[in-house]
């Protein structure tokens, strides 16, 4: 007969064995649950892609909560634990990411830690030319500068807008809408140009040009964009853009030389704070001190205020203007008034 001590010993052994089994089962369930928590949200069906901004200074728990809220991962706690297990919690990079709900948590963590597939926020201010946009794109590693210039031809504009430009247009200058874009590293330059012309279509062509074109505006689309580029370069304040457009259009209708300084700057290929009389003689079809009418094409890519001003210039009998130190202009009706305004302003400087 077993003694009571032996019975107690066997009882404890059984209890320990059962406890061990329970612990092992719990651990197994935990591991399985953890592995399941790392699986993609979407296992079947059409994936949904989102652009997500990871702000500088955001830690793994905050990033996990954001991704869970956006439906890109199953559980924020699994995301956080995984970053600590891999050591990636120190390497998560700020930026814009294009993430999909069919991607595992581990793959998303790797993407954030490596800056993989990160999007760059690229802003093109109003008034830039293609040759100024191209190096910005190359610096941000979006695409090669030469590739962008090669892709920004007239055909891209015509394809997106569904309209024909004059053969002299040649390139997309004037139609690459200045705005802020989220662009992928190594992006396709053709897709990028299409996106920028698409923004022009969305912001100006569809809502403003198409309705106005039915009532026969003063010029065709290419002429309006060319005038808008002059307005963009000449005006510093939005409130003056329609009036400056009106002055330039008035000179065109009277077959006067536009004598627009911005066209000379463009012909020179460099900005000068003050043009000389020799500068005004530069031999270029863009020099409106020598050639009547609009220049051959846009000087830059104008913003929406300049485009709207060129489409609907303010009616005015002013034919001259001169810049003031604060960026506004003094407007005159006659050459004598204009000369007096110049003399007055230079006397204050």
C-alpha atoms as a PDB file:
ATOM      1  CA  UNK A   1       0.000   0.000   0.000  1.00  0.00           C
ATOM      2  CA  UNK A   2       1.411   3.442  -0.985  1.00  0.00           C
ATOM      3  CA  UNK A   3       2.048   5.765   1.842  1.00  0.00           C
ATOM      4  CA  UNK A   4       0.239   9.082   2.185  1.00  0.00           C
ATOM      5  CA  UNK A   5       3.480  10.940   1.358  1.00  0.00           C
ATOM      6  CA  UNK A   6       3.809   9.042  -1.899  1.00  0.00           C
ATOM      7  CA  UNK A   7       0.201   9.799  -2.782  1.00  0.00           C
ATOM      8  CA  UNK A   8       0.734  13.508  -2.127  1.00  0.00           C
ATOM      9  CA  UNK A   9       3.901  13.411  -4.245  1.00  0.00           C
ATOM     10  CA  UNK A  10       2.094  11.782  -7.169  1.00  0.00           C
ATOM     11  CA  UNK A  11      -0.747  14.290  -6.834  1.00  0.00           C
ATOM     12  CA  UNK A  12       1.675  17.219  -7.011  1.00  0.00           C
ATOM     13  CA  UNK A  13       3.389  15.676 -10.042  1.00  0.00           C
ATOM     14  CA  UNK A  14       0.062  15.349 -11.836  1.00  0.00           C
ATOM     15  CA  UNK A  15      -0.835  18.911 -10.987  1.00  0.00           C
ATOM     16  CA  UNK A  16       2.532  20.139 -12.268  1.00  0.00           C
ATOM     17  CA  UNK A  17       2.119  18.122 -15.432  1.00  0.00           C
ATOM     18  CA  UNK A  18      -1.364  19.498 -16.007  1.00  0.00           C
ATOM     19  CA  UNK A  19      -0.129  23.027 -15.289  1.00  0.00           C
ATOM     20  CA  UNK A  20       2.745  22.541 -17.716  1.00  0.00           C
ATOM     21  CA  UNK A  21       0.356  21.309 -20.400  1.00  0.00           C
ATOM     22  CA  UNK A  22      -1.940  24.271 -19.777  1.00  0.00           C
ATOM     23  CA  UNK A  23       1.002  26.689 -19.977  1.00  0.00           C
ATOM     24  CA  UNK A  24       2.258  25.062 -23.159  1.00  0.00           C
ATOM     25  CA  UNK A  25      -1.208  25.133 -24.681  1.00  0.00           C
ATOM     26  CA  UNK A  26      -1.626  28.784 -23.672  1.00  0.00           C
ATOM     27  CA  UNK A  27       1.766  29.600 -25.160  1.00  0.00           C
ATOM     28  CA  UNK A  28       0.858  27.756 -28.337  1.00  0.00           C
ATOM     29  CA  UNK A  29      -2.453  29.574 -28.560  1.00  0.00           C
ATOM     30  CA  UNK A  30      -0.653  32.849 -27.886  1.00  0.00           C
ATOM     31  CA  UNK A  31       1.928  32.195 -30.594  1.00  0.00           C
ATOM     32  CA  UNK A  32      -0.741  31.161 -33.075  1.00  0.00           C
ATOM     33  CA  UNK A  33      -2.811  34.204 -32.153  1.00  0.00           C
ATOM     34  CA  UNK A  34       0.216  36.432 -32.502  1.00  0.00           C
ATOM     35  CA  UNK A  35       1.094  34.985 -35.917  1.00  0.00           C
ATOM     36  CA  UNK A  36      -2.511  35.411 -37.029  1.00  0.00           C
ATOM     37  CA  UNK A  37      -2.438  39.015 -35.815  1.00  0.00           C
ATOM     38  CA  UNK A  38       0.504  39.660 -38.151  1.00  0.00           C
ATOM     39  CA  UNK A  39      -1.383  38.374 -41.194  1.00  0.00           C
ATOM     40  CA  UNK A  40      -2.724  40.808 -43.806  1.00  0.00           C
ATOM     41  CA  UNK A  41      -6.144  42.283 -43.127  1.00  0.00           C
ATOM     42  CA  UNK A  42      -7.257  41.151 -46.581  1.00  0.00           C
ATOM     43  CA  UNK A  43      -6.573  37.542 -47.507  1.00  0.00           C
ATOM     44  CA  UNK A  44      -8.864  37.372 -50.533  1.00  0.00           C
ATOM     45  CA  UNK A  45     -10.445  39.896 -52.858  1.00  0.00           C
ATOM     46  CA  UNK A  46      -9.431  43.232 -54.349  1.00  0.00           C
ATOM     47  CA  UNK A  47      -6.807  45.041 -52.235  1.00  0.00           C
ATOM     48  CA  UNK A  48      -7.299  48.660 -51.222  1.00  0.00           C
ATOM     49  CA  UNK A  49      -4.307  50.994 -51.340  1.00  0.00           C
ATOM     50  CA  UNK A  50      -3.987  54.090 -49.166  1.00  0.00           C
ATOM     51  CA  UNK A  51      -1.490  56.899 -48.774  1.00  0.00           C
ATOM     52  CA  UNK A  52      -0.473  57.185 -45.125  1.00  0.00           C
ATOM     53  CA  UNK A  53       1.576  59.958 -43.539  1.00  0.00           C
ATOM     54  CA  UNK A  54       3.917  58.902 -40.738  1.00  0.00           C
ATOM     55  CA  UNK A  55       4.825  62.040 -38.834  1.00  0.00           C
ATOM     56  CA  UNK A  56       8.285  62.703 -37.467  1.00  0.00           C
ATOM     57  CA  UNK A  57       8.604  61.594 -33.854  1.00  0.00           C
ATOM     58  CA  UNK A  58       5.727  59.095 -33.944  1.00  0.00           C
ATOM     59  CA  UNK A  59       6.568  55.965 -31.956  1.00  0.00           C
ATOM     60  CA  UNK A  60       5.634  52.382 -32.777  1.00  0.00           C
ATOM     61  CA  UNK A  61       2.438  52.326 -30.606  1.00  0.00           C
ATOM     62  CA  UNK A  62       1.100  55.507 -32.244  1.00  0.00           C
ATOM     63  CA  UNK A  63       1.967  54.267 -35.727  1.00  0.00           C
ATOM     64  CA  UNK A  64       0.336  50.911 -34.987  1.00  0.00           C
ATOM     65  CA  UNK A  65      -2.830  52.616 -33.764  1.00  0.00           C
ATOM     66  CA  UNK A  66      -2.944  54.740 -36.941  1.00  0.00           C
ATOM     67  CA  UNK A  67      -2.482  51.726 -39.207  1.00  0.00           C
ATOM     68  CA  UNK A  68      -5.136  49.727 -37.347  1.00  0.00           C
ATOM     69  CA  UNK A  69      -7.549  52.660 -37.555  1.00  0.00           C
ATOM     70  CA  UNK A  70      -6.945  52.872 -41.326  1.00  0.00           C
ATOM     71  CA  UNK A  71      -7.638  49.149 -41.699  1.00  0.00           C
ATOM     72  CA  UNK A  72      -4.127  48.304 -42.876  1.00  0.00           C
ATOM     73  CA  UNK A  73      -3.136  45.973 -40.008  1.00  0.00           C
ATOM     74  CA  UNK A  74      -5.153  43.676 -37.764  1.00  0.00           C
ATOM     75  CA  UNK A  75      -3.869  44.760 -34.350  1.00  0.00           C
ATOM     76  CA  UNK A  76      -1.739  47.658 -33.147  1.00  0.00           C
ATOM     77  CA  UNK A  77      -0.345  45.590 -30.234  1.00  0.00           C
ATOM     78  CA  UNK A  78       1.022  42.970 -32.642  1.00  0.00           C
ATOM     79  CA  UNK A  79       2.624  45.737 -34.725  1.00  0.00           C
ATOM     80  CA  UNK A  80       4.301  47.214 -31.648  1.00  0.00           C
ATOM     81  CA  UNK A  81       5.546  43.857 -30.323  1.00  0.00           C
ATOM     82  CA  UNK A  82       6.954  42.939 -33.737  1.00  0.00           C
ATOM     83  CA  UNK A  83       8.894  46.201 -34.019  1.00  0.00           C
ATOM     84  CA  UNK A  84      10.515  45.514 -30.633  1.00  0.00           C
ATOM     85  CA  UNK A  85      11.287  41.893 -31.463  1.00  0.00           C
ATOM     86  CA  UNK A  86      13.027  42.937 -34.690  1.00  0.00           C
ATOM     87  CA  UNK A  87      14.550  46.140 -33.312  1.00  0.00           C
ATOM     88  CA  UNK A  88      12.793  48.150 -36.021  1.00  0.00           C
ATOM     89  CA  UNK A  89      11.068  50.412 -33.497  1.00  0.00           C
ATOM     90  CA  UNK A  90      14.173  52.631 -33.678  1.00  0.00           C
ATOM     91  CA  UNK A  91      14.209  52.721 -37.487  1.00  0.00           C
ATOM     92  CA  UNK A  92      10.634  53.617 -38.426  1.00  0.00           C
ATOM     93  CA  UNK A  93      10.915  56.565 -40.834  1.00  0.00           C
ATOM     94  CA  UNK A  94       8.624  59.548 -41.240  1.00  0.00           C
ATOM     95  CA  UNK A  95       7.144  60.218 -44.652  1.00  0.00           C
ATOM     96  CA  UNK A  96       4.328  59.307 -46.988  1.00  0.00           C
ATOM     97  CA  UNK A  97       3.761  55.631 -47.743  1.00  0.00           C
ATOM     98  CA  UNK A  98       1.570  53.833 -50.201  1.00  0.00           C
ATOM     99  CA  UNK A  99       0.291  50.844 -48.220  1.00  0.00           C
ATOM    100  CA  UNK A 100      -2.161  48.098 -49.057  1.00  0.00           C
ATOM    101  CA  UNK A 101      -4.456  46.002 -46.876  1.00  0.00           C
ATOM    102  CA  UNK A 102      -3.166  42.779 -48.469  1.00  0.00           C
ATOM    103  CA  UNK A 103       0.302  43.356 -46.964  1.00  0.00           C
ATOM    104  CA  UNK A 104       1.404  41.616 -43.765  1.00  0.00           C
ATOM    105  CA  UNK A 105       2.311  43.591 -40.659  1.00  0.00           C
ATOM    106  CA  UNK A 106       5.919  42.395 -40.941  1.00  0.00           C
ATOM    107  CA  UNK A 107       6.117  43.662 -44.534  1.00  0.00           C
ATOM    108  CA  UNK A 108       4.653  47.023 -43.559  1.00  0.00           C
ATOM    109  CA  UNK A 109       7.180  47.342 -40.727  1.00  0.00           C
ATOM    110  CA  UNK A 110       9.997  46.551 -43.157  1.00  0.00           C
ATOM    111  CA  UNK A 111       8.701  49.181 -45.563  1.00  0.00           C
ATOM    112  CA  UNK A 112       8.581  51.836 -42.829  1.00  0.00           C
ATOM    113  CA  UNK A 113      12.005  50.884 -41.484  1.00  0.00           C
ATOM    114  CA  UNK A 114      13.651  51.019 -44.912  1.00  0.00           C
ATOM    115  CA  UNK A 115      11.750  54.013 -46.271  1.00  0.00           C
ATOM    116  CA  UNK A 116      10.613  51.572 -48.945  1.00  0.00           C
ATOM    117  CA  UNK A 117       7.989  52.816 -51.403  1.00  0.00           C
ATOM    118  CA  UNK A 118       7.963  56.120 -49.556  1.00  0.00           C
ATOM    119  CA  UNK A 119       6.215  58.988 -51.284  1.00  0.00           C
ATOM    120  CA  UNK A 120       7.716  62.443 -51.405  1.00  0.00           C
ATOM    121  CA  UNK A 121       5.725  65.629 -50.963  1.00  0.00           C
ATOM    122  CA  UNK A 122       6.905  67.823 -53.833  1.00  0.00           C
ATOM    123  CA  UNK A 123       5.680  71.402 -54.262  1.00  0.00           C
ATOM    124  CA  UNK A 124       6.015  73.335 -57.508  1.00  0.00           C
ATOM    125  CA  UNK A 125       5.395  77.058 -56.910  1.00  0.00           C
ATOM    126  CA  UNK A 126       3.566  79.115 -59.508  1.00  0.00           C
ATOM    127  CA  UNK A 127       5.746  80.512 -62.267  1.00  0.00           C
ATOM    128  CA  UNK A 128       8.344  77.764 -62.647  1.00  0.00           C
ATOM    129  CA  UNK A 129       9.443  76.557 -66.083  1.00  0.00           C
ATOM    130  CA  UNK A 130       9.990  72.895 -66.965  1.00  0.00           C
ATOM    131  CA  UNK A 131      13.744  73.310 -66.618  1.00  0.00           C
ATOM    132  CA  UNK A 132      13.254  74.460 -63.021  1.00  0.00           C
ATOM    133  CA  UNK A 133      10.862  71.614 -62.200  1.00  0.00           C
ATOM    134  CA  UNK A 134      13.146  68.901 -63.574  1.00  0.00           C
ATOM    135  CA  UNK A 135      16.036  69.283 -61.074  1.00  0.00           C
ATOM    136  CA  UNK A 136      13.556  69.357 -58.173  1.00  0.00           C
ATOM    137  CA  UNK A 137      12.257  65.966 -59.272  1.00  0.00           C
ATOM    138  CA  UNK A 138      15.766  64.583 -59.638  1.00  0.00           C
ATOM    139  CA  UNK A 139      16.837  65.905 -56.242  1.00  0.00           C
ATOM    140  CA  UNK A 140      13.842  64.196 -54.628  1.00  0.00           C
ATOM    141  CA  UNK A 141      14.732  60.959 -56.477  1.00  0.00           C
ATOM    142  CA  UNK A 142      11.386  60.962 -58.256  1.00  0.00           C
ATOM    143  CA  UNK A 143      12.752  60.650 -61.779  1.00  0.00           C
ATOM    144  CA  UNK A 144      15.678  61.644 -63.958  1.00  0.00           C
ATOM    145  CA  UNK A 145      15.689  65.303 -64.973  1.00  0.00           C
ATOM    146  CA  UNK A 146      16.236  64.582 -68.662  1.00  0.00           C
ATOM    147  CA  UNK A 147      13.524  61.909 -68.635  1.00  0.00           C
ATOM    148  CA  UNK A 148      10.991  64.396 -67.262  1.00  0.00           C
ATOM    149  CA  UNK A 149      11.867  66.972 -69.904  1.00  0.00           C
ATOM    150  CA  UNK A 150      11.595  64.313 -72.576  1.00  0.00           C
ATOM    151  CA  UNK A 151       8.184  63.219 -71.334  1.00  0.00           C
ATOM    152  CA  UNK A 152       6.714  66.733 -71.098  1.00  0.00           C
ATOM    153  CA  UNK A 153       5.916  67.145 -74.764  1.00  0.00           C
ATOM    154  CA  UNK A 154       2.908  68.602 -76.518  1.00  0.00           C
ATOM    155  CA  UNK A 155       1.414  65.136 -77.081  1.00  0.00           C
ATOM    156  CA  UNK A 156       0.952  64.607 -73.325  1.00  0.00           C
ATOM    157  CA  UNK A 157      -1.148  67.776 -73.071  1.00  0.00           C
ATOM    158  CA  UNK A 158      -3.284  66.924 -76.068  1.00  0.00           C
ATOM    159  CA  UNK A 159      -3.905  63.386 -74.857  1.00  0.00           C
ATOM    160  CA  UNK A 160      -5.038  64.420 -71.374  1.00  0.00           C
ATOM    161  CA  UNK A 161      -7.102  67.450 -72.426  1.00  0.00           C
ATOM    162  CA  UNK A 162      -8.462  65.875 -75.591  1.00  0.00           C
ATOM    163  CA  UNK A 163      -7.754  69.041 -77.539  1.00  0.00           C
ATOM    164  CA  UNK A 164      -5.251  70.090 -80.198  1.00  0.00           C
ATOM    165  CA  UNK A 165      -2.619  72.739 -79.522  1.00  0.00           C
ATOM    166  CA  UNK A 166      -0.876  74.792 -82.190  1.00  0.00           C
ATOM    167  CA  UNK A 167       2.102  72.984 -83.711  1.00  0.00           C
ATOM    168  CA  UNK A 168       4.364  75.728 -82.363  1.00  0.00           C
ATOM    169  CA  UNK A 169       3.515  74.678 -78.796  1.00  0.00           C
ATOM    170  CA  UNK A 170       5.967  71.801 -78.959  1.00  0.00           C
ATOM    171  CA  UNK A 171       6.074  71.130 -75.212  1.00  0.00           C
ATOM    172  CA  UNK A 172       3.822  71.071 -72.156  1.00  0.00           C
ATOM    173  CA  UNK A 173       5.075  74.410 -70.826  1.00  0.00           C
ATOM    174  CA  UNK A 174       2.152  76.274 -69.299  1.00  0.00           C
ATOM    175  CA  UNK A 175       0.094  73.119 -68.707  1.00  0.00           C
ATOM    176  CA  UNK A 176       2.134  71.523 -65.885  1.00  0.00           C
ATOM    177  CA  UNK A 177      -0.047  72.756 -63.066  1.00  0.00           C
ATOM    178  CA  UNK A 178       1.857  74.204 -60.089  1.00  0.00           C
ATOM    179  CA  UNK A 179       0.713  72.405 -56.963  1.00  0.00           C
ATOM    180  CA  UNK A 180       1.794  69.988 -54.227  1.00  0.00           C
ATOM    181  CA  UNK A 181       2.071  66.380 -55.352  1.00  0.00           C
ATOM    182  CA  UNK A 182       2.695  63.098 -53.542  1.00  0.00           C
ATOM    183  CA  UNK A 183       5.117  61.274 -55.810  1.00  0.00           C
ATOM    184  CA  UNK A 184       6.810  57.924 -55.582  1.00  0.00           C
ATOM    185  CA  UNK A 185      10.560  57.457 -55.680  1.00  0.00           C
ATOM    186  CA  UNK A 186      11.509  56.245 -59.138  1.00  0.00           C
ATOM    187  CA  UNK A 187       8.150  57.316 -60.549  1.00  0.00           C
ATOM    188  CA  UNK A 188       7.496  57.026 -64.273  1.00  0.00           C
ATOM    189  CA  UNK A 189       8.011  60.480 -65.876  1.00  0.00           C
ATOM    190  CA  UNK A 190       5.210  59.911 -68.410  1.00  0.00           C
ATOM    191  CA  UNK A 191       2.779  59.152 -65.581  1.00  0.00           C
ATOM    192  CA  UNK A 192       4.012  62.212 -63.691  1.00  0.00           C
ATOM    193  CA  UNK A 193       3.464  64.568 -66.647  1.00  0.00           C
ATOM    194  CA  UNK A 194       0.021  63.059 -67.177  1.00  0.00           C
ATOM    195  CA  UNK A 195      -0.760  63.703 -63.508  1.00  0.00           C
ATOM    196  CA  UNK A 196       0.335  67.350 -63.706  1.00  0.00           C
ATOM    197  CA  UNK A 197      -1.581  68.050 -66.907  1.00  0.00           C
ATOM    198  CA  UNK A 198      -4.496  66.194 -65.319  1.00  0.00           C
ATOM    199  CA  UNK A 199      -4.381  68.645 -62.420  1.00  0.00           C
ATOM    200  CA  UNK A 200      -4.490  71.522 -64.962  1.00  0.00           C
ATOM    201  CA  UNK A 201      -7.562  69.898 -66.508  1.00  0.00           C
ATOM    202  CA  UNK A 202      -9.196  69.435 -63.112  1.00  0.00           C
ATOM    203  CA  UNK A 203      -8.423  72.928 -61.789  1.00  0.00           C
ATOM    204  CA  UNK A 204      -8.833  75.111 -64.897  1.00  0.00           C
ATOM    205  CA  UNK A 205      -9.739  73.362 -68.138  1.00  0.00           C
ATOM    206  CA  UNK A 206     -12.959  71.666 -67.013  1.00  0.00           C
ATOM    207  CA  UNK A 207     -14.415  74.243 -64.581  1.00  0.00           C
ATOM    208  CA  UNK A 208     -13.318  77.471 -66.315  1.00  0.00           C
ATOM    209  CA  UNK A 209     -12.107  77.011 -69.876  1.00  0.00           C
ATOM    210  CA  UNK A 210     -14.811  74.702 -71.228  1.00  0.00           C
ATOM    211  CA  UNK A 211     -17.759  76.870 -70.072  1.00  0.00           C
ATOM    212  CA  UNK A 212     -16.029  80.061 -71.275  1.00  0.00           C
ATOM    213  CA  UNK A 213     -15.028  78.570 -74.623  1.00  0.00           C
ATOM    214  CA  UNK A 214     -18.691  78.172 -75.565  1.00  0.00           C
ATOM    215  CA  UNK A 215     -19.125  81.944 -75.373  1.00  0.00           C
ATOM    216  CA  UNK A 216     -16.028  82.621 -77.485  1.00  0.00           C
ATOM    217  CA  UNK A 217     -13.411  84.136 -75.162  1.00  0.00           C
ATOM    218  CA  UNK A 218     -10.866  86.583 -76.570  1.00  0.00           C
ATOM    219  CA  UNK A 219      -8.384  83.867 -77.608  1.00  0.00           C
ATOM    220  CA  UNK A 220      -7.801  80.137 -77.909  1.00  0.00           C
ATOM    221  CA  UNK A 221      -6.576  77.988 -75.024  1.00  0.00           C
ATOM    222  CA  UNK A 222      -2.903  78.292 -75.973  1.00  0.00           C
ATOM    223  CA  UNK A 223      -3.147  82.092 -76.187  1.00  0.00           C
ATOM    224  CA  UNK A 224      -4.944  82.319 -72.846  1.00  0.00           C
ATOM    225  CA  UNK A 225      -2.297  80.173 -71.142  1.00  0.00           C
ATOM    226  CA  UNK A 226       0.466  82.230 -72.756  1.00  0.00           C
ATOM    227  CA  UNK A 227      -1.073  85.478 -71.482  1.00  0.00           C
ATOM    228  CA  UNK A 228      -1.541  83.867 -68.054  1.00  0.00           C
ATOM    229  CA  UNK A 229       2.177  83.092 -67.943  1.00  0.00           C
ATOM    230  CA  UNK A 230       2.947  86.784 -68.521  1.00  0.00           C
ATOM    231  CA  UNK A 231       0.514  87.755 -65.769  1.00  0.00           C
ATOM    232  CA  UNK A 232       2.128  85.191 -63.456  1.00  0.00           C
ATOM    233  CA  UNK A 233       5.539  86.746 -63.959  1.00  0.00           C
ATOM    234  CA  UNK A 234       4.416  90.371 -63.855  1.00  0.00           C
ATOM    235  CA  UNK A 235       1.950  90.341 -60.935  1.00  0.00           C
ATOM    236  CA  UNK A 236       2.860  89.712 -57.302  1.00  0.00           C
ATOM    237  CA  UNK A 237      -0.609  90.227 -55.842  1.00  0.00           C
ATOM    238  CA  UNK A 238      -3.675  88.224 -56.889  1.00  0.00           C
ATOM    239  CA  UNK A 239      -5.882  91.318 -56.688  1.00  0.00           C
ATOM    240  CA  UNK A 240      -3.933  92.934 -59.550  1.00  0.00           C
ATOM    241  CA  UNK A 241      -3.812  89.960 -61.903  1.00  0.00           C
ATOM    242  CA  UNK A 242      -7.097  90.658 -63.770  1.00  0.00           C
ATOM    243  CA  UNK A 243      -6.114  94.315 -64.229  1.00  0.00           C
ATOM    244  CA  UNK A 244      -2.638  93.487 -65.546  1.00  0.00           C
ATOM    245  CA  UNK A 245      -4.230  90.960 -67.898  1.00  0.00           C
ATOM    246  CA  UNK A 246      -6.600  93.725 -69.032  1.00  0.00           C
ATOM    247  CA  UNK A 247      -3.716  96.113 -69.710  1.00  0.00           C
ATOM    248  CA  UNK A 248      -1.818  93.537 -71.755  1.00  0.00           C
ATOM    249  CA  UNK A 249      -4.929  92.555 -73.709  1.00  0.00           C
ATOM    250  CA  UNK A 250      -5.681  96.230 -74.378  1.00  0.00           C
ATOM    251  CA  UNK A 251      -2.201  96.678 -75.848  1.00  0.00           C
ATOM    252  CA  UNK A 252      -2.685  93.570 -77.988  1.00  0.00           C
ATOM    253  CA  UNK A 253      -5.951  94.915 -79.372  1.00  0.00           C
ATOM    254  CA  UNK A 254      -4.313  98.208 -80.241  1.00  0.00           C
ATOM    255  CA  UNK A 255      -1.441  96.282 -81.906  1.00  0.00           C
ATOM    256  CA  UNK A 256       0.998  97.934 -79.519  1.00  0.00           C
ATOM    257  CA  UNK A 257       4.181  96.206 -78.453  1.00  0.00           C
ATOM    258  CA  UNK A 258       3.525  94.485 -75.142  1.00  0.00           C
ATOM    259  CA  UNK A 259       6.919  95.611 -73.821  1.00  0.00           C
ATOM    260  CA  UNK A 260       6.641  93.075 -71.047  1.00  0.00           C
ATOM    261  CA  UNK A 261       9.820  92.794 -68.978  1.00  0.00           C
ATOM    262  CA  UNK A 262       9.096  89.162 -68.141  1.00  0.00           C
ATOM    263  CA  UNK A 263       9.485  88.192 -71.790  1.00  0.00           C
ATOM    264  CA  UNK A 264      12.929  89.790 -71.888  1.00  0.00           C
ATOM    265  CA  UNK A 265      13.940  87.970 -68.718  1.00  0.00           C
ATOM    266  CA  UNK A 266      12.812  84.742 -70.386  1.00  0.00           C
ATOM    267  CA  UNK A 267      14.773  85.565 -73.539  1.00  0.00           C
ATOM    268  CA  UNK A 268      17.885  86.318 -71.478  1.00  0.00           C
ATOM    269  CA  UNK A 269      17.546  82.991 -69.680  1.00  0.00           C
ATOM    270  CA  UNK A 270      18.283  84.582 -66.296  1.00  0.00           C
ATOM    271  CA  UNK A 271      16.502  86.924 -63.915  1.00  0.00           C
ATOM    272  CA  UNK A 272      17.865  90.447 -63.469  1.00  0.00           C
ATOM    273  CA  UNK A 273      16.638  92.875 -60.837  1.00  0.00           C
ATOM    274  CA  UNK A 274      16.704  95.702 -63.382  1.00  0.00           C
ATOM    275  CA  UNK A 275      16.899  95.393 -67.146  1.00  0.00           C
ATOM    276  CA  UNK A 276      19.236  97.618 -69.178  1.00  0.00           C
ATOM    277  CA  UNK A 277      18.534  99.188 -72.566  1.00  0.00           C
ATOM    278  CA  UNK A 278      20.880  96.600 -74.072  1.00  0.00           C
ATOM    279  CA  UNK A 279      18.832  93.807 -72.494  1.00  0.00           C
ATOM    280  CA  UNK A 280      15.720  95.142 -74.222  1.00  0.00           C
ATOM    281  CA  UNK A 281      17.437  94.551 -77.576  1.00  0.00           C
ATOM    282  CA  UNK A 282      18.064  90.831 -77.012  1.00  0.00           C
ATOM    283  CA  UNK A 283      17.433  88.991 -80.275  1.00  0.00           C
ATOM    284  CA  UNK A 284      14.633  86.578 -79.444  1.00  0.00           C
ATOM    285  CA  UNK A 285      11.088  85.966 -80.676  1.00  0.00           C
ATOM    286  CA  UNK A 286      10.107  86.147 -76.994  1.00  0.00           C
ATOM    287  CA  UNK A 287      11.276  89.759 -76.703  1.00  0.00           C
ATOM    288  CA  UNK A 288       8.035  91.740 -76.760  1.00  0.00           C
ATOM    289  CA  UNK A 289       9.998  95.002 -76.932  1.00  0.00           C
ATOM    290  CA  UNK A 290      10.914  93.980 -80.496  1.00  0.00           C
ATOM    291  CA  UNK A 291       8.020  91.767 -81.637  1.00  0.00           C
ATOM    292  CA  UNK A 292       4.309  92.552 -81.589  1.00  0.00           C
ATOM    293  CA  UNK A 293       1.716  90.186 -80.223  1.00  0.00           C
ATOM    294  CA  UNK A 294       2.058  87.439 -77.663  1.00  0.00           C
ATOM    295  CA  UNK A 295       5.354  85.572 -77.357  1.00  0.00           C
ATOM    296  CA  UNK A 296       5.533  82.192 -79.168  1.00  0.00           C
ATOM    297  CA  UNK A 297       4.413  80.301 -76.081  1.00  0.00           C
ATOM    298  CA  UNK A 298       4.050  80.374 -72.273  1.00  0.00           C
ATOM    299  CA  UNK A 299       6.970  81.728 -70.253  1.00  0.00           C
ATOM    300  CA  UNK A 300       6.186  79.439 -67.304  1.00  0.00           C
ATOM    301  CA  UNK A 301       3.508  77.302 -65.693  1.00  0.00           C
ATOM    302  CA  UNK A 302       0.984  79.771 -64.244  1.00  0.00           C
ATOM    303  CA  UNK A 303      -1.237  79.211 -61.234  1.00  0.00           C
ATOM    304  CA  UNK A 304      -5.018  79.301 -61.164  1.00  0.00           C
ATOM    305  CA  UNK A 305      -5.376  83.047 -60.266  1.00  0.00           C
ATOM    306  CA  UNK A 306      -3.305  84.015 -63.322  1.00  0.00           C
ATOM    307  CA  UNK A 307      -5.167  81.581 -65.578  1.00  0.00           C
ATOM    308  CA  UNK A 308      -8.523  82.943 -64.461  1.00  0.00           C
ATOM    309  CA  UNK A 309      -7.303  86.518 -64.903  1.00  0.00           C
ATOM    310  CA  UNK A 310      -6.124  85.800 -68.453  1.00  0.00           C
ATOM    311  CA  UNK A 311      -9.420  84.154 -69.335  1.00  0.00           C
ATOM    312  CA  UNK A 312     -11.445  87.045 -67.898  1.00  0.00           C
ATOM    313  CA  UNK A 313      -9.283  90.193 -67.998  1.00  0.00           C
ATOM    314  CA  UNK A 314     -10.560  93.294 -66.263  1.00  0.00           C
ATOM    315  CA  UNK A 315     -11.944  95.867 -68.685  1.00  0.00           C
ATOM    316  CA  UNK A 316      -9.738  98.959 -68.462  1.00  0.00           C
ATOM    317  CA  UNK A 317      -8.410 101.874 -70.473  1.00  0.00           C
ATOM    318  CA  UNK A 318      -5.025 101.623 -68.730  1.00  0.00           C
ATOM    319  CA  UNK A 319      -2.226 100.781 -71.153  1.00  0.00           C
ATOM    320  CA  UNK A 320       0.835 101.062 -68.913  1.00  0.00           C
ATOM    321  CA  UNK A 321       1.987  99.973 -65.478  1.00  0.00           C
ATOM    322  CA  UNK A 322       5.168 100.181 -63.449  1.00  0.00           C
ATOM    323  CA  UNK A 323       6.109  98.192 -60.352  1.00  0.00           C
ATOM    324  CA  UNK A 324       6.214  99.820 -56.924  1.00  0.00           C
ATOM    325  CA  UNK A 325       8.668  98.741 -54.196  1.00  0.00           C
ATOM    326  CA  UNK A 326       5.904  96.801 -52.400  1.00  0.00           C
ATOM    327  CA  UNK A 327       5.167  94.672 -55.480  1.00  0.00           C
ATOM    328  CA  UNK A 328       1.964  96.464 -56.492  1.00  0.00           C
ATOM    329  CA  UNK A 329       1.815  98.628 -59.625  1.00  0.00           C
ATOM    330  CA  UNK A 330       1.038 102.188 -60.673  1.00  0.00           C
ATOM    331  CA  UNK A 331      -1.254 102.144 -63.722  1.00  0.00           C
ATOM    332  CA  UNK A 332      -1.433 104.851 -66.400  1.00  0.00           C
ATOM    333  CA  UNK A 333      -3.530 105.604 -69.453  1.00  0.00           C
ATOM    334  CA  UNK A 334      -0.971 107.526 -71.492  1.00  0.00           C
ATOM    335  CA  UNK A 335       2.745 107.289 -72.096  1.00  0.00           C
ATOM    336  CA  UNK A 336       3.232 110.710 -70.491  1.00  0.00           C
ATOM    337  CA  UNK A 337       1.453 109.583 -67.321  1.00  0.00           C
ATOM    338  CA  UNK A 338       3.542 106.421 -67.363  1.00  0.00           C
ATOM    339  CA  UNK A 339       6.794 108.362 -67.599  1.00  0.00           C
ATOM    340  CA  UNK A 340       5.702 110.607 -64.749  1.00  0.00           C
ATOM    341  CA  UNK A 341       4.877 107.540 -62.620  1.00  0.00           C
ATOM    342  CA  UNK A 342       8.317 106.045 -63.322  1.00  0.00           C
ATOM    343  CA  UNK A 343      10.026 109.304 -62.432  1.00  0.00           C
ATOM    344  CA  UNK A 344       8.008 109.605 -59.217  1.00  0.00           C
ATOM    345  CA  UNK A 345       8.763 106.066 -58.132  1.00  0.00           C
ATOM    346  CA  UNK A 346      12.475 106.243 -58.894  1.00  0.00           C
ATOM    347  CA  UNK A 347      12.663 109.501 -56.989  1.00  0.00           C
ATOM    348  CA  UNK A 348      11.502 107.632 -53.857  1.00  0.00           C
ATOM    349  CA  UNK A 349      14.022 104.821 -54.210  1.00  0.00           C
END
